[in-house]
Protein backbone atom coordinates (compact mmCIF):
# COMPACT_ATOMS: atom_id res chain seq x y z
CA UNK A 1 0.00 0.00 0.00
CA UNK A 2 1.33 3.44 -0.83
CA UNK A 3 0.40 6.61 0.99
CA UNK A 4 -0.29 9.70 -1.11
CA UNK A 5 2.87 11.59 -1.92
CA UNK A 6 3.31 14.94 -0.20
CA UNK A 7 5.83 17.13 -2.04
CA UNK A 8 8.74 18.46 -0.06
CA UNK A 9 9.88 22.02 -0.22
CA UNK A 10 13.27 21.11 -1.67
CA UNK A 11 12.44 18.48 -4.28
CA UNK A 12 11.07 14.99 -4.86
CA UNK A 13 10.49 12.89 -1.80
CA UNK A 14 12.82 9.99 -1.02
CA UNK A 15 10.79 6.98 0.12
CA UNK A 16 11.82 5.06 3.19
CA UNK A 17 10.42 1.98 4.89
CA UNK A 18 8.15 2.64 7.89
CA UNK A 19 7.09 0.01 10.43
CA UNK A 20 4.45 0.79 13.03
CA UNK A 21 4.29 -1.16 16.33
CA UNK A 22 0.53 -1.39 16.14
CA UNK A 23 0.75 -2.75 12.60
CA UNK A 24 3.24 -5.39 13.75
CA UNK A 25 0.85 -6.49 16.48
CA UNK A 26 -1.87 -6.93 13.85
CA UNK A 27 0.45 -9.11 11.70
CA UNK A 28 0.28 -6.82 8.71
CA UNK A 29 2.51 -8.38 6.09
CA UNK A 30 2.62 -5.57 3.50
CA UNK A 31 5.00 -2.63 4.13
CA UNK A 32 3.76 0.92 4.10
CA UNK A 33 5.86 3.42 2.21
CA UNK A 34 5.81 7.06 3.23
CA UNK A 35 7.82 10.06 1.98
CA UNK A 36 11.03 10.58 3.89
CA UNK A 37 10.83 14.33 3.46
CA UNK A 38 7.48 16.07 3.37
CA UNK A 39 5.66 19.01 4.90
CA UNK A 40 5.70 18.78 8.69
CA UNK A 41 2.02 19.52 8.97
CA UNK A 42 1.13 16.42 6.86
CA UNK A 43 2.82 13.81 9.06
CA UNK A 44 -0.11 13.16 11.38
CA UNK A 45 -2.63 13.01 8.56
CA UNK A 46 -0.60 10.51 6.53
CA UNK A 47 0.01 8.21 9.49
CA UNK A 48 -3.65 8.29 10.49
CA UNK A 49 -4.80 7.53 6.96
CA UNK A 50 -2.35 4.66 6.49
CA UNK A 51 -3.21 3.09 9.82
CA UNK A 52 -6.96 3.40 9.34
CA UNK A 53 -6.84 1.75 5.93
CA UNK A 54 -5.06 -1.29 7.34
CA UNK A 55 -6.28 -1.56 10.92
CA UNK A 56 -9.92 -0.63 10.55
CA UNK A 57 -10.61 -2.82 7.52
CA UNK A 58 -11.64 -6.46 7.94
CA UNK A 59 -8.77 -8.92 8.20
CA UNK A 60 -8.73 -11.46 5.35
CA UNK A 61 -10.35 -14.76 6.28
CA UNK A 62 -9.21 -18.10 4.87
CA UNK A 63 -11.59 -19.49 2.29
CA UNK A 64 -12.61 -23.05 3.07
CA UNK A 65 -13.58 -25.03 0.00
CA UNK A 66 -15.54 -28.20 0.59
CA UNK A 67 -16.40 -30.69 -2.12
CA UNK A 68 -19.87 -32.10 -1.87
CA UNK A 69 -19.95 -35.66 -0.62
CA UNK A 70 -22.25 -38.01 -2.51
CA UNK A 71 -23.58 -40.96 -0.55
CA UNK A 72 -24.40 -44.07 -2.54
CA UNK A 73 -26.26 -47.01 -0.99
CA UNK A 74 -25.37 -50.35 -2.56
CA UNK A 75 -27.68 -53.31 -1.82
CA UNK A 76 -26.40 -56.67 -3.06
CA UNK A 77 -26.20 -60.05 -1.31
CA UNK A 78 -22.87 -60.99 -2.92
CA UNK A 79 -19.85 -59.60 -1.10
CA UNK A 80 -17.65 -60.01 -4.17
CA UNK A 81 -20.01 -57.83 -6.20
CA UNK A 82 -20.10 -55.17 -3.50
CA UNK A 83 -16.31 -55.14 -3.34
CA UNK A 84 -16.05 -54.73 -7.10
CA UNK A 85 -18.56 -51.89 -7.19
CA UNK A 86 -16.79 -50.15 -4.33
CA UNK A 87 -13.48 -50.34 -6.19
CA UNK A 88 -15.01 -49.08 -9.46
CA UNK A 89 -16.82 -46.15 -7.87
CA UNK A 90 -14.05 -45.46 -5.37
CA UNK A 91 -12.07 -43.75 -8.11
CA UNK A 92 -14.36 -40.77 -7.52
CA UNK A 93 -13.18 -39.39 -4.19
CA UNK A 94 -16.46 -37.59 -3.54
CA UNK A 95 -18.41 -40.86 -3.43
CA UNK A 96 -19.15 -42.45 -0.06
CA UNK A 97 -20.31 -46.05 -0.53
CA UNK A 98 -22.60 -47.62 2.08
CA UNK A 99 -23.12 -51.37 1.67
CA UNK A 100 -25.95 -53.66 2.77
CA UNK A 101 -26.64 -57.31 1.90
CA UNK A 102 -30.42 -57.41 1.62
CA UNK A 103 -33.53 -55.37 0.86
CA UNK A 104 -34.70 -54.94 4.46
CA UNK A 105 -31.37 -53.48 5.48
CA UNK A 106 -31.49 -51.20 2.44
CA UNK A 107 -34.78 -49.67 3.55
CA UNK A 108 -33.48 -49.25 7.10
CA UNK A 109 -30.26 -47.64 5.87
CA UNK A 110 -32.15 -45.14 3.73
CA UNK A 111 -33.78 -43.80 6.88
CA UNK A 112 -30.42 -43.56 8.66
CA UNK A 113 -28.03 -42.18 6.06
CA UNK A 114 -30.29 -40.39 3.51
CA UNK A 115 -28.33 -41.49 0.41
CA UNK A 116 -28.19 -39.56 -2.85
CA UNK A 117 -28.51 -42.74 -4.93
CA UNK A 118 -29.52 -46.35 -4.36
CA UNK A 119 -28.04 -49.19 -6.41
CA UNK A 120 -30.24 -52.29 -6.09
CA UNK A 121 -29.65 -55.90 -6.99
CA UNK A 122 -32.85 -57.52 -8.23
CA UNK A 123 -32.51 -60.93 -6.58
CA UNK A 124 -31.78 -60.66 -2.85
CA UNK A 125 -32.95 -62.76 0.07
CA UNK A 126 -36.14 -61.51 1.67
CA UNK A 127 -37.17 -58.39 -0.23
CA UNK A 128 -36.19 -58.35 -3.89
CA UNK A 129 -35.10 -55.24 -5.75
CA UNK A 130 -38.52 -54.57 -7.25
CA UNK A 131 -40.19 -54.63 -3.83
CA UNK A 132 -37.49 -52.41 -2.32
CA UNK A 133 -37.85 -49.92 -5.18
CA UNK A 134 -41.61 -49.84 -4.68
CA UNK A 135 -41.17 -49.11 -0.95
CA UNK A 136 -38.58 -46.43 -1.69
CA UNK A 137 -41.00 -44.68 -4.01
CA UNK A 138 -43.58 -44.54 -1.20
CA UNK A 139 -41.11 -42.98 1.24
CA UNK A 140 -38.74 -41.01 -0.99
CA UNK A 141 -40.32 -40.30 -4.39
CA UNK A 142 -37.33 -38.29 -5.65
CA UNK A 143 -34.54 -40.66 -4.58
CA UNK A 144 -32.68 -41.95 -7.67
CA UNK A 145 -32.60 -45.74 -8.11
CA UNK A 146 -30.33 -47.79 -10.35
CA UNK A 147 -31.00 -51.50 -10.89
CA UNK A 148 -27.85 -53.63 -11.06
CA UNK A 149 -28.61 -57.20 -12.08
CA UNK A 150 -27.08 -60.39 -13.46
CA UNK A 151 -30.04 -60.56 -15.86
CA UNK A 152 -29.97 -58.96 -19.28
CA UNK A 153 -32.47 -56.17 -19.76
CA UNK A 154 -35.57 -57.64 -21.40
CA UNK A 155 -38.81 -55.88 -22.35
CA UNK A 156 -40.44 -57.35 -19.24
CA UNK A 157 -37.64 -56.13 -16.93
CA UNK A 158 -37.67 -52.73 -18.57
CA UNK A 159 -41.42 -52.45 -18.05
CA UNK A 160 -41.10 -53.44 -14.37
CA UNK A 161 -38.22 -51.03 -13.82
CA UNK A 162 -40.08 -48.09 -15.30
CA UNK A 163 -43.24 -49.00 -13.39
CA UNK A 164 -41.15 -48.49 -10.21
CA UNK A 165 -39.86 -45.18 -11.60
CA UNK A 166 -36.31 -46.51 -11.64
CA UNK A 167 -33.90 -44.24 -13.51
CA UNK A 168 -31.45 -46.82 -14.80
CA UNK A 169 -30.53 -50.45 -15.37
CA UNK A 170 -27.06 -51.98 -15.73
CA UNK A 171 -26.29 -55.64 -16.28
CA UNK A 172 -23.45 -57.02 -14.15
CA UNK A 173 -21.79 -58.36 -17.27
CA UNK A 174 -21.19 -54.80 -18.46
CA UNK A 175 -17.83 -53.13 -17.88
CA UNK A 176 -17.06 -51.01 -14.85
CA UNK A 177 -16.98 -47.97 -17.09
CA UNK A 178 -20.64 -48.52 -17.98
CA UNK A 179 -21.58 -48.72 -14.31
CA UNK A 180 -19.67 -45.51 -13.55
CA UNK A 181 -21.36 -43.80 -16.50
CA UNK A 182 -24.78 -44.96 -15.28
CA UNK A 183 -24.14 -43.63 -11.79
CA UNK A 184 -23.14 -40.21 -13.12
CA UNK A 185 -26.17 -40.07 -15.41
CA UNK A 186 -28.68 -41.03 -12.73
CA UNK A 187 -27.15 -38.58 -10.25
CA UNK A 188 -27.67 -35.91 -12.92
CA UNK A 189 -31.38 -36.81 -13.05
CA UNK A 190 -31.05 -38.60 -16.39
CA UNK A 191 -32.25 -42.06 -17.33
CA UNK A 192 -29.72 -44.73 -18.21
CA UNK A 193 -30.90 -47.81 -20.10
CA UNK A 194 -27.97 -48.46 -22.45
CA UNK A 195 -29.12 -51.90 -23.51
CA UNK A 196 -32.78 -51.07 -23.93
CA UNK A 197 -34.24 -54.09 -25.73
CA UNK A 198 -36.09 -54.11 -28.99
CA UNK A 199 -39.69 -55.07 -28.11
CA UNK A 200 -40.08 -56.79 -31.48
CA UNK A 201 -37.23 -59.26 -30.94
């Protein structure tokens, strides 16, 4: 910061470095430059102006940047499948993966952790994926659901999925890249049915 220059009577001012004890106590890191030679009656005004600009203004606050965490609930009764999905989606550091092994636990976990997305296996002990999706729609109509199944998408499965207002379907035989793409699409409120069957075949 530079104070306004006050002309001296004999010529251009020579600038010198000025430290103020009060400024040091406030941890001011930028030096203040004042004319070495200037009119005597301007000394008090310059010092007051320089100090007020620094001391009376708000001190800079650190800006804390937080990335949004995205919680994904994965319901599948096969531990190997859950491990694989966790590894595939774990590349995205903002994803938090919560795992359960059956439909009943999935419904209970939704109430506890309020996920942003639910990935459901279709065939689980107890409640199957269709039943869980139907219950989710009663409780959380806007919660995105992605079916993840060993079965290929048939016209019948597609009809059942859309009747439950499911946003996507991925077969477990697809690559991990397809699953990751489906998760991103559904989180963006888009449908993802990459292998949508031809109803006439």
